[in-house]
Amino acid sequence: MATSAEYHDYVMECLNKAGTVTSKKMMGEYCLYHDGKLFGGIYDNRLLVKRTENSGKLLGDCPLEYPYEGSKSLMFLVSEFEDAEFMKKLLDGIAVEKSQK
């Protein structure tokens, strides 16, 4: 099941309250970028975020799921994406980690 345009638009509206987030459509799903860095995606109407040290601290209680069948990477399922303050902390932390690599 591909992500619906309505769900994508709603998630993007919420995320852009936390910072500048862009998306790129890939085979019916969406890769998500913050400050030009890939941090996750929208897959099957689910917001999934890469596992990093920062995301692990903030999302440690969230379930881990595969973004698509055959994926080798588990990602955090984020349900609190409507909380702009929380998402800003999450996105900024991931961006800092990615810039240090």
PDB file of N, CA and C in Angstrom:
ATOM      1  N   MET A   1       0.830  -1.172   0.000  1.00  0.00           N
ATOM      2  CA  MET A   1       0.000   0.000   0.000  1.00  0.00           C
ATOM      3  C   MET A   1       0.881   1.243   0.000  1.00  0.00           C
ATOM      4  N   ALA A   2       0.732   2.082  -0.965  1.00  0.00           N
ATOM      5  CA  ALA A   2       1.505   3.315  -1.046  1.00  0.00           C
ATOM      6  C   ALA A   2       0.909   4.372  -0.124  1.00  0.00           C
ATOM      7  N   THR A   3       1.736   5.304   0.275  1.00  0.00           N
ATOM      8  CA  THR A   3       1.292   6.409   1.118  1.00  0.00           C
ATOM      9  C   THR A   3       0.346   7.311   0.339  1.00  0.00           C
ATOM     10  N   SER A   4      -0.732   7.720   0.975  1.00  0.00           N
ATOM     11  CA  SER A   4      -1.682   8.615   0.313  1.00  0.00           C
ATOM     12  C   SER A   4      -1.125  10.038   0.284  1.00  0.00           C
ATOM     13  N   ALA A   5      -1.506  10.778  -0.723  1.00  0.00           N
ATOM     14  CA  ALA A   5      -1.078  12.178  -0.847  1.00  0.00           C
ATOM     15  C   ALA A   5      -1.575  12.993   0.344  1.00  0.00           C
ATOM     16  N   GLU A   6      -2.768  12.690   0.829  1.00  0.00           N
ATOM     17  CA  GLU A   6      -3.334  13.413   1.958  1.00  0.00           C
ATOM     18  C   GLU A   6      -2.505  13.200   3.223  1.00  0.00           C
ATOM     19  N   TYR A   7      -2.103  11.950   3.472  1.00  0.00           N
ATOM     20  CA  TYR A   7      -1.288  11.670   4.651  1.00  0.00           C
ATOM     21  C   TYR A   7       0.061  12.367   4.523  1.00  0.00           C
ATOM     22  N   HIS A   8       0.685  12.261   3.358  1.00  0.00           N
ATOM     23  CA  HIS A   8       1.963  12.944   3.107  1.00  0.00           C
ATOM     24  C   HIS A   8       1.833  14.435   3.400  1.00  0.00           C
ATOM     25  N   ASP A   9       0.813  15.069   2.848  1.00  0.00           N
ATOM     26  CA  ASP A   9       0.639  16.508   3.020  1.00  0.00           C
ATOM     27  C   ASP A   9       0.441  16.876   4.492  1.00  0.00           C
ATOM     28  N   TYR A  10      -0.317  16.062   5.217  1.00  0.00           N
ATOM     29  CA  TYR A  10      -0.553  16.332   6.629  1.00  0.00           C
ATOM     30  C   TYR A  10       0.741  16.201   7.436  1.00  0.00           C
ATOM     31  N   VAL A  11       1.503  15.146   7.206  1.00  0.00           N
ATOM     32  CA  VAL A  11       2.767  14.957   7.918  1.00  0.00           C
ATOM     33  C   VAL A  11       3.719  16.109   7.600  1.00  0.00           C
ATOM     34  N   MET A  12       3.802  16.491   6.329  1.00  0.00           N
ATOM     35  CA  MET A  12       4.697  17.588   5.942  1.00  0.00           C
ATOM     36  C   MET A  12       4.280  18.895   6.603  1.00  0.00           C
ATOM     37  N   GLU A  13       2.993  19.149   6.683  1.00  0.00           N
ATOM     38  CA  GLU A  13       2.500  20.358   7.347  1.00  0.00           C
ATOM     39  C   GLU A  13       2.942  20.372   8.813  1.00  0.00           C
ATOM     40  N   CYS A  14       2.828  19.249   9.480  1.00  0.00           N
ATOM     41  CA  CYS A  14       3.244  19.144  10.880  1.00  0.00           C
ATOM     42  C   CYS A  14       4.760  19.287  11.022  1.00  0.00           C
ATOM     43  N   LEU A  15       5.513  18.602  10.189  1.00  0.00           N
ATOM     44  CA  LEU A  15       6.967  18.636  10.300  1.00  0.00           C
ATOM     45  C   LEU A  15       7.527  20.012  10.002  1.00  0.00           C
ATOM     46  N   ASN A  16       6.944  20.730   9.080  1.00  0.00           N
ATOM     47  CA  ASN A  16       7.468  22.045   8.727  1.00  0.00           C
ATOM     48  C   ASN A  16       7.205  23.082   9.813  1.00  0.00           C
ATOM     49  N   LYS A  17       6.436  22.755  10.825  1.00  0.00           N
ATOM     50  CA  LYS A  17       6.306  23.613  12.003  1.00  0.00           C
ATOM     51  C   LYS A  17       7.522  23.456  12.908  1.00  0.00           C
ATOM     52  N   ALA A  18       8.277  22.365  12.715  1.00  0.00           N
ATOM     53  CA  ALA A  18       9.461  22.079  13.517  1.00  0.00           C
ATOM     54  C   ALA A  18      10.753  22.502  12.823  1.00  0.00           C
ATOM     55  N   GLY A  19      10.694  22.790  11.550  1.00  0.00           N
ATOM     56  CA  GLY A  19      11.879  23.155  10.775  1.00  0.00           C
ATOM     57  C   GLY A  19      11.597  22.930   9.310  1.00  0.00           C
ATOM     58  N   THR A  20      12.593  23.187   8.496  1.00  0.00           N
ATOM     59  CA  THR A  20      12.419  23.006   7.061  1.00  0.00           C
ATOM     60  C   THR A  20      12.641  21.546   6.694  1.00  0.00           C
ATOM     61  N   VAL A  21      11.578  20.915   6.266  1.00  0.00           N
ATOM     62  CA  VAL A  21      11.624  19.506   5.873  1.00  0.00           C
ATOM     63  C   VAL A  21      11.155  19.419   4.427  1.00  0.00           C
ATOM     64  N   THR A  22      11.878  18.650   3.640  1.00  0.00           N
ATOM     65  CA  THR A  22      11.486  18.420   2.252  1.00  0.00           C
ATOM     66  C   THR A  22      11.296  16.926   2.038  1.00  0.00           C
ATOM     67  N   SER A  23      10.560  16.596   0.993  1.00  0.00           N
ATOM     68  CA  SER A  23      10.336  15.184   0.686  1.00  0.00           C
ATOM     69  C   SER A  23      10.619  14.934  -0.785  1.00  0.00           C
ATOM     70  N   LYS A  24      10.978  13.705  -1.057  1.00  0.00           N
ATOM     71  CA  LYS A  24      11.207  13.270  -2.442  1.00  0.00           C
ATOM     72  C   LYS A  24      10.454  11.964  -2.630  1.00  0.00           C
ATOM     73  N   LYS A  25       9.570  11.962  -3.614  1.00  0.00           N
ATOM     74  CA  LYS A  25       8.761  10.766  -3.864  1.00  0.00           C
ATOM     75  C   LYS A  25       9.631   9.685  -4.499  1.00  0.00           C
ATOM     76  N   MET A  26       9.520   8.492  -3.930  1.00  0.00           N
ATOM     77  CA  MET A  26      10.285   7.345  -4.410  1.00  0.00           C
ATOM     78  C   MET A  26       9.376   6.130  -4.428  1.00  0.00           C
ATOM     79  N   MET A  27       8.941   5.695  -5.577  1.00  0.00           N
ATOM     80  CA  MET A  27       8.145   4.479  -5.747  1.00  0.00           C
ATOM     81  C   MET A  27       6.898   4.456  -4.865  1.00  0.00           C
ATOM     82  N   GLY A  28       6.173   5.562  -4.814  1.00  0.00           N
ATOM     83  CA  GLY A  28       4.941   5.628  -4.055  1.00  0.00           C
ATOM     84  C   GLY A  28       5.120   5.992  -2.593  1.00  0.00           C
ATOM     85  N   GLU A  29       6.342   6.088  -2.163  1.00  0.00           N
ATOM     86  CA  GLU A  29       6.646   6.467  -0.780  1.00  0.00           C
ATOM     87  C   GLU A  29       7.483   7.739  -0.820  1.00  0.00           C
ATOM     88  N   TYR A  30       7.907   8.241   0.351  1.00  0.00           N
ATOM     89  CA  TYR A  30       8.600   9.523   0.401  1.00  0.00           C
ATOM     90  C   TYR A  30       9.820   9.457   1.317  1.00  0.00           C
ATOM     91  N   CYS A  31      10.969   9.896   0.809  1.00  0.00           N
ATOM     92  CA  CYS A  31      12.152  10.089   1.636  1.00  0.00           C
ATOM     93  C   CYS A  31      12.068  11.506   2.191  1.00  0.00           C
ATOM     94  N   LEU A  32      12.477  11.684   3.449  1.00  0.00           N
ATOM     95  CA  LEU A  32      12.370  12.976   4.111  1.00  0.00           C
ATOM     96  C   LEU A  32      13.752  13.518   4.462  1.00  0.00           C
ATOM     97  N   TYR A  33      13.916  14.832   4.261  1.00  0.00           N
ATOM     98  CA  TYR A  33      15.197  15.497   4.476  1.00  0.00           C
ATOM     99  C   TYR A  33      15.010  16.720   5.368  1.00  0.00           C
ATOM    100  N   HIS A  34      15.959  16.917   6.266  1.00  0.00           N
ATOM    101  CA  HIS A  34      16.012  18.112   7.118  1.00  0.00           C
ATOM    102  C   HIS A  34      17.424  18.670   6.979  1.00  0.00           C
ATOM    103  N   ASP A  35      17.515  19.936   6.641  1.00  0.00           N
ATOM    104  CA  ASP A  35      18.821  20.555   6.377  1.00  0.00           C
ATOM    105  C   ASP A  35      19.602  19.764   5.331  1.00  0.00           C
ATOM    106  N   GLY A  36      18.894  19.222   4.345  1.00  0.00           N
ATOM    107  CA  GLY A  36      19.527  18.484   3.260  1.00  0.00           C
ATOM    108  C   GLY A  36      19.983  17.085   3.628  1.00  0.00           C
ATOM    109  N   LYS A  37      19.711  16.652   4.845  1.00  0.00           N
ATOM    110  CA  LYS A  37      20.136  15.323   5.316  1.00  0.00           C
ATOM    111  C   LYS A  37      18.938  14.397   5.420  1.00  0.00           C
ATOM    112  N   LEU A  38      19.084  13.207   4.872  1.00  0.00           N
ATOM    113  CA  LEU A  38      18.032  12.194   4.948  1.00  0.00           C
ATOM    114  C   LEU A  38      17.881  11.748   6.402  1.00  0.00           C
ATOM    115  N   PHE A  39      16.649  11.825   6.918  1.00  0.00           N
ATOM    116  CA  PHE A  39      16.429  11.404   8.304  1.00  0.00           C
ATOM    117  C   PHE A  39      15.368  10.329   8.435  1.00  0.00           C
ATOM    118  N   GLY A  40      14.615  10.070   7.385  1.00  0.00           N
ATOM    119  CA  GLY A  40      13.559   9.065   7.484  1.00  0.00           C
ATOM    120  C   GLY A  40      12.661   9.104   6.274  1.00  0.00           C
ATOM    121  N   GLY A  41      11.447   8.645   6.461  1.00  0.00           N
ATOM    122  CA  GLY A  41      10.531   8.629   5.332  1.00  0.00           C
ATOM    123  C   GLY A  41       9.110   8.341   5.764  1.00  0.00           C
ATOM    124  N   ILE A  42       8.223   8.487   4.802  1.00  0.00           N
ATOM    125  CA  ILE A  42       6.824   8.134   5.005  1.00  0.00           C
ATOM    126  C   ILE A  42       6.577   6.887   4.157  1.00  0.00           C
ATOM    127  N   TYR A  43       6.253   5.801   4.827  1.00  0.00           N
ATOM    128  CA  TYR A  43       6.062   4.506   4.182  1.00  0.00           C
ATOM    129  C   TYR A  43       4.719   3.936   4.620  1.00  0.00           C
ATOM    130  N   ASP A  44       3.867   3.597   3.679  1.00  0.00           N
ATOM    131  CA  ASP A  44       2.569   2.981   3.991  1.00  0.00           C
ATOM    132  C   ASP A  44       1.818   3.775   5.068  1.00  0.00           C
ATOM    133  N   ASN A  45       1.775   5.092   4.886  1.00  0.00           N
ATOM    134  CA  ASN A  45       1.092   5.993   5.830  1.00  0.00           C
ATOM    135  C   ASN A  45       1.639   5.875   7.248  1.00  0.00           C
ATOM    136  N   ARG A  46       2.964   5.737   7.354  1.00  0.00           N
ATOM    137  CA  ARG A  46       3.654   5.708   8.652  1.00  0.00           C
ATOM    138  C   ARG A  46       4.877   6.613   8.539  1.00  0.00           C
ATOM    139  N   LEU A  47       5.135   7.433   9.559  1.00  0.00           N
ATOM    140  CA  LEU A  47       6.361   8.221   9.611  1.00  0.00           C
ATOM    141  C   LEU A  47       7.408   7.392  10.324  1.00  0.00           C
ATOM    142  N   LEU A  48       8.489   7.099   9.622  1.00  0.00           N
ATOM    143  CA  LEU A  48       9.585   6.320  10.191  1.00  0.00           C
ATOM    144  C   LEU A  48      10.852   7.163  10.174  1.00  0.00           C
ATOM    145  N   VAL A  49      11.643   7.064  11.254  1.00  0.00           N
ATOM    146  CA  VAL A  49      12.864   7.846  11.410  1.00  0.00           C
ATOM    147  C   VAL A  49      14.036   6.898  11.624  1.00  0.00           C
ATOM    148  N   LYS A  50      15.175   7.254  11.020  1.00  0.00           N
ATOM    149  CA  LYS A  50      16.382   6.442  11.155  1.00  0.00           C
ATOM    150  C   LYS A  50      16.782   6.290  12.614  1.00  0.00           C
ATOM    151  N   ARG A  51      17.415   5.181  12.894  1.00  0.00           N
ATOM    152  CA  ARG A  51      17.943   4.924  14.229  1.00  0.00           C
ATOM    153  C   ARG A  51      19.303   5.598  14.348  1.00  0.00           C
ATOM    154  N   THR A  52      19.387   6.552  15.249  1.00  0.00           N
ATOM    155  CA  THR A  52      20.647   7.222  15.568  1.00  0.00           C
ATOM    156  C   THR A  52      20.737   7.295  17.085  1.00  0.00           C
ATOM    157  N   GLU A  53      21.835   7.798  17.594  1.00  0.00           N
ATOM    158  CA  GLU A  53      21.962   7.939  19.044  1.00  0.00           C
ATOM    159  C   GLU A  53      20.868   8.863  19.583  1.00  0.00           C
ATOM    160  N   ASN A  54      20.668  10.003  18.926  1.00  0.00           N
ATOM    161  CA  ASN A  54      19.654  10.965  19.369  1.00  0.00           C
ATOM    162  C   ASN A  54      18.243  10.403  19.245  1.00  0.00           C
ATOM    163  N   SER A  55      17.928   9.812  18.099  1.00  0.00           N
ATOM    164  CA  SER A  55      16.572   9.275  17.950  1.00  0.00           C
ATOM    165  C   SER A  55      16.328   8.142  18.935  1.00  0.00           C
ATOM    166  N   GLY A  56      17.357   7.381  19.239  1.00  0.00           N
ATOM    167  CA  GLY A  56      17.212   6.305  20.221  1.00  0.00           C
ATOM    168  C   GLY A  56      16.877   6.831  21.605  1.00  0.00           C
ATOM    169  N   LYS A  57      17.497   7.976  21.975  1.00  0.00           N
ATOM    170  CA  LYS A  57      17.208   8.579  23.279  1.00  0.00           C
ATOM    171  C   LYS A  57      15.777   9.105  23.329  1.00  0.00           C
ATOM    172  N   LEU A  58      15.346   9.749  22.261  1.00  0.00           N
ATOM    173  CA  LEU A  58      14.027  10.377  22.253  1.00  0.00           C
ATOM    174  C   LEU A  58      12.888   9.414  21.913  1.00  0.00           C
ATOM    175  N   LEU A  59      13.189   8.377  21.153  1.00  0.00           N
ATOM    176  CA  LEU A  59      12.146   7.470  20.665  1.00  0.00           C
ATOM    177  C   LEU A  59      12.319   6.042  21.169  1.00  0.00           C
ATOM    178  N   GLY A  60      13.105   5.867  22.202  1.00  0.00           N
ATOM    179  CA  GLY A  60      13.425   4.528  22.702  1.00  0.00           C
ATOM    180  C   GLY A  60      12.226   3.652  23.012  1.00  0.00           C
ATOM    181  N   ASP A  61      11.100   4.274  23.361  1.00  0.00           N
ATOM    182  CA  ASP A  61       9.892   3.507  23.677  1.00  0.00           C
ATOM    183  C   ASP A  61       9.012   3.250  22.456  1.00  0.00           C
ATOM    184  N   CYS A  62       9.386   3.846  21.315  1.00  0.00           N
ATOM    185  CA  CYS A  62       8.591   3.674  20.097  1.00  0.00           C
ATOM    186  C   CYS A  62       8.934   2.342  19.436  1.00  0.00           C
ATOM    187  N   PRO A  63       7.973   1.740  18.763  1.00  0.00           N
ATOM    188  CA  PRO A  63       8.258   0.458  18.100  1.00  0.00           C
ATOM    189  C   PRO A  63       9.222   0.642  16.924  1.00  0.00           C
ATOM    190  N   LEU A  64       9.961  -0.414  16.642  1.00  0.00           N
ATOM    191  CA  LEU A  64      10.832  -0.460  15.468  1.00  0.00           C
ATOM    192  C   LEU A  64      10.114  -1.236  14.380  1.00  0.00           C
ATOM    193  N   GLU A  65      10.136  -0.690  13.176  1.00  0.00           N
ATOM    194  CA  GLU A  65       9.461  -1.347  12.058  1.00  0.00           C
ATOM    195  C   GLU A  65      10.326  -1.258  10.811  1.00  0.00           C
ATOM    196  N   TYR A  66      10.090  -2.186   9.887  1.00  0.00           N
ATOM    197  CA  TYR A  66      10.751  -2.133   8.590  1.00  0.00           C
ATOM    198  C   TYR A  66       9.960  -1.178   7.688  1.00  0.00           C
ATOM    199  N   PRO A  67      10.658  -0.332   6.948  1.00  0.00           N
ATOM    200  CA  PRO A  67       9.941   0.610   6.079  1.00  0.00           C
ATOM    201  C   PRO A  67       9.212  -0.066   4.922  1.00  0.00           C
ATOM    202  N   TYR A  68       9.741  -1.165   4.436  1.00  0.00           N
ATOM    203  CA  TYR A  68       9.127  -1.872   3.317  1.00  0.00           C
ATOM    204  C   TYR A  68       9.582  -3.327   3.359  1.00  0.00           C
ATOM    205  N   GLU A  69       8.847  -4.175   2.701  1.00  0.00           N
ATOM    206  CA  GLU A  69       9.161  -5.600   2.671  1.00  0.00           C
ATOM    207  C   GLU A  69      10.532  -5.804   2.027  1.00  0.00           C
ATOM    208  N   GLY A  70      11.366  -6.565   2.683  1.00  0.00           N
ATOM    209  CA  GLY A  70      12.704  -6.837   2.180  1.00  0.00           C
ATOM    210  C   GLY A  70      13.759  -5.878   2.716  1.00  0.00           C
ATOM    211  N   SER A  71      13.344  -4.857   3.453  1.00  0.00           N
ATOM    212  CA  SER A  71      14.291  -3.910   4.036  1.00  0.00           C
ATOM    213  C   SER A  71      15.129  -4.607   5.097  1.00  0.00           C
ATOM    214  N   LYS A  72      16.376  -4.187   5.197  1.00  0.00           N
ATOM    215  CA  LYS A  72      17.265  -4.750   6.207  1.00  0.00           C
ATOM    216  C   LYS A  72      17.404  -3.832   7.409  1.00  0.00           C
ATOM    217  N   SER A  73      16.819  -2.636   7.323  1.00  0.00           N
ATOM    218  CA  SER A  73      16.949  -1.639   8.384  1.00  0.00           C
ATOM    219  C   SER A  73      15.638  -1.437   9.129  1.00  0.00           C
ATOM    220  N   LEU A  74      15.715  -1.508  10.437  1.00  0.00           N
ATOM    221  CA  LEU A  74      14.574  -1.167  11.272  1.00  0.00           C
ATOM    222  C   LEU A  74      14.627   0.327  11.564  1.00  0.00           C
ATOM    223  N   MET A  75      13.466   0.957  11.610  1.00  0.00           N
ATOM    224  CA  MET A  75      13.383   2.382  11.882  1.00  0.00           C
ATOM    225  C   MET A  75      12.335   2.616  12.966  1.00  0.00           C
ATOM    226  N   PHE A  76      12.460   3.759  13.657  1.00  0.00           N
ATOM    227  CA  PHE A  76      11.483   4.106  14.682  1.00  0.00           C
ATOM    228  C   PHE A  76      10.189   4.591  14.049  1.00  0.00           C
ATOM    229  N   LEU A  77       9.077   4.087  14.529  1.00  0.00           N
ATOM    230  CA  LEU A  77       7.755   4.557  14.130  1.00  0.00           C
ATOM    231  C   LEU A  77       7.413   5.754  15.012  1.00  0.00           C
ATOM    232  N   VAL A  78       7.169   6.905  14.403  1.00  0.00           N
ATOM    233  CA  VAL A  78       6.903   8.132  15.157  1.00  0.00           C
ATOM    234  C   VAL A  78       5.423   8.465  15.075  1.00  0.00           C
ATOM    235  N   SER A  79       4.793   8.519  16.231  1.00  0.00           N
ATOM    236  CA  SER A  79       3.376   8.889  16.268  1.00  0.00           C
ATOM    237  C   SER A  79       3.181  10.308  16.798  1.00  0.00           C
ATOM    238  N   GLU A  80       4.232  10.902  17.388  1.00  0.00           N
ATOM    239  CA  GLU A  80       4.130  12.227  17.999  1.00  0.00           C
ATOM    240  C   GLU A  80       4.532  13.345  17.037  1.00  0.00           C
ATOM    241  N   PHE A  81       4.394  13.137  15.745  1.00  0.00           N
ATOM    242  CA  PHE A  81       4.873  14.135  14.793  1.00  0.00           C
ATOM    243  C   PHE A  81       4.069  15.426  14.805  1.00  0.00           C
ATOM    244  N   GLU A  82       2.935  15.446  15.468  1.00  0.00           N
ATOM    245  CA  GLU A  82       2.133  16.673  15.581  1.00  0.00           C
ATOM    246  C   GLU A  82       2.700  17.620  16.646  1.00  0.00           C
ATOM    247  N   ASP A  83       3.602  17.138  17.480  1.00  0.00           N
ATOM    248  CA  ASP A  83       4.233  17.926  18.542  1.00  0.00           C
ATOM    249  C   ASP A  83       5.471  18.617  17.957  1.00  0.00           C
ATOM    250  N   ALA A  84       5.311  19.891  17.555  1.00  0.00           N
ATOM    251  CA  ALA A  84       6.375  20.623  16.857  1.00  0.00           C
ATOM    252  C   ALA A  84       7.636  20.752  17.710  1.00  0.00           C
ATOM    253  N   GLU A  85       7.490  20.996  18.984  1.00  0.00           N
ATOM    254  CA  GLU A  85       8.662  21.158  19.860  1.00  0.00           C
ATOM    255  C   GLU A  85       9.466  19.855  19.944  1.00  0.00           C
ATOM    256  N   PHE A  86       8.759  18.750  20.122  1.00  0.00           N
ATOM    257  CA  PHE A  86       9.421  17.447  20.172  1.00  0.00           C
ATOM    258  C   PHE A  86      10.118  17.134  18.847  1.00  0.00           C
ATOM    259  N   MET A  87       9.422  17.384  17.735  1.00  0.00           N
ATOM    260  CA  MET A  87      10.006  17.074  16.425  1.00  0.00           C
ATOM    261  C   MET A  87      11.205  17.972  16.125  1.00  0.00           C
ATOM    262  N   LYS A  88      11.177  19.211  16.540  1.00  0.00           N
ATOM    263  CA  LYS A  88      12.331  20.101  16.339  1.00  0.00           C
ATOM    264  C   LYS A  88      13.543  19.547  17.062  1.00  0.00           C
ATOM    265  N   LYS A  89      13.351  19.128  18.300  1.00  0.00           N
ATOM    266  CA  LYS A  89      14.443  18.536  19.080  1.00  0.00           C
ATOM    267  C   LYS A  89      14.984  17.278  18.384  1.00  0.00           C
ATOM    268  N   LEU A  90      14.085  16.447  17.898  1.00  0.00           N
ATOM    269  CA  LEU A  90      14.476  15.224  17.204  1.00  0.00           C
ATOM    270  C   LEU A  90      15.224  15.527  15.911  1.00  0.00           C
ATOM    271  N   LEU A  91      14.657  16.383  15.067  1.00  0.00           N
ATOM    272  CA  LEU A  91      15.271  16.686  13.770  1.00  0.00           C
ATOM    273  C   LEU A  91      16.600  17.399  13.923  1.00  0.00           C
ATOM    274  N   ASP A  92      16.672  18.357  14.832  1.00  0.00           N
ATOM    275  CA  ASP A  92      17.929  19.083  15.048  1.00  0.00           C
ATOM    276  C   ASP A  92      19.011  18.144  15.575  1.00  0.00           C
ATOM    277  N   GLY A  93      18.635  17.240  16.468  1.00  0.00           N
ATOM    278  CA  GLY A  93      19.600  16.280  17.001  1.00  0.00           C
ATOM    279  C   GLY A  93      20.131  15.344  15.936  1.00  0.00           C
ATOM    280  N   ILE A  94      19.267  14.866  15.074  1.00  0.00           N
ATOM    281  CA  ILE A  94      19.713  13.983  13.993  1.00  0.00           C
ATOM    282  C   ILE A  94      20.615  14.752  13.029  1.00  0.00           C
ATOM    283  N   ALA A  95      20.256  16.009  12.713  1.00  0.00           N
ATOM    284  CA  ALA A  95      21.070  16.827  11.796  1.00  0.00           C
ATOM    285  C   ALA A  95      22.467  17.046  12.351  1.00  0.00           C
ATOM    286  N   VAL A  96      22.575  17.310  13.639  1.00  0.00           N
ATOM    287  CA  VAL A  96      23.885  17.508  14.275  1.00  0.00           C
ATOM    288  C   VAL A  96      24.708  16.236  14.168  1.00  0.00           C
ATOM    289  N   GLU A  97      24.097  15.104  14.462  1.00  0.00           N
ATOM    290  CA  GLU A  97      24.804  13.824  14.357  1.00  0.00           C
ATOM    291  C   GLU A  97      25.310  13.587  12.941  1.00  0.00           C
ATOM    292  N   LYS A  98      24.465  13.849  11.953  1.00  0.00           N
ATOM    293  CA  LYS A  98      24.834  13.600  10.559  1.00  0.00           C
ATOM    294  C   LYS A  98      25.948  14.543  10.106  1.00  0.00           C
ATOM    295  N   SER A  99      25.979  15.784  10.625  1.00  0.00           N
ATOM    296  CA  SER A  99      27.009  16.729  10.217  1.00  0.00           C
ATOM    297  C   SER A  99      28.351  16.395  10.841  1.00  0.00           C
ATOM    298  N   GLN A 100      28.351  15.630  11.910  1.00  0.00           N
ATOM    299  CA  GLN A 100      29.596  15.247  12.592  1.00  0.00           C
ATOM    300  C   GLN A 100      30.265  14.041  11.948  1.00  0.00           C
ATOM    301  N   LYS A 101      29.550  13.395  11.029  1.00  0.00           N
ATOM    302  CA  LYS A 101      30.101  12.182  10.385  1.00  0.00           C
ATOM    303  C   LYS A 101      30.831  12.534   9.122  1.00  0.00           C
TER     304      LYS A 101
END
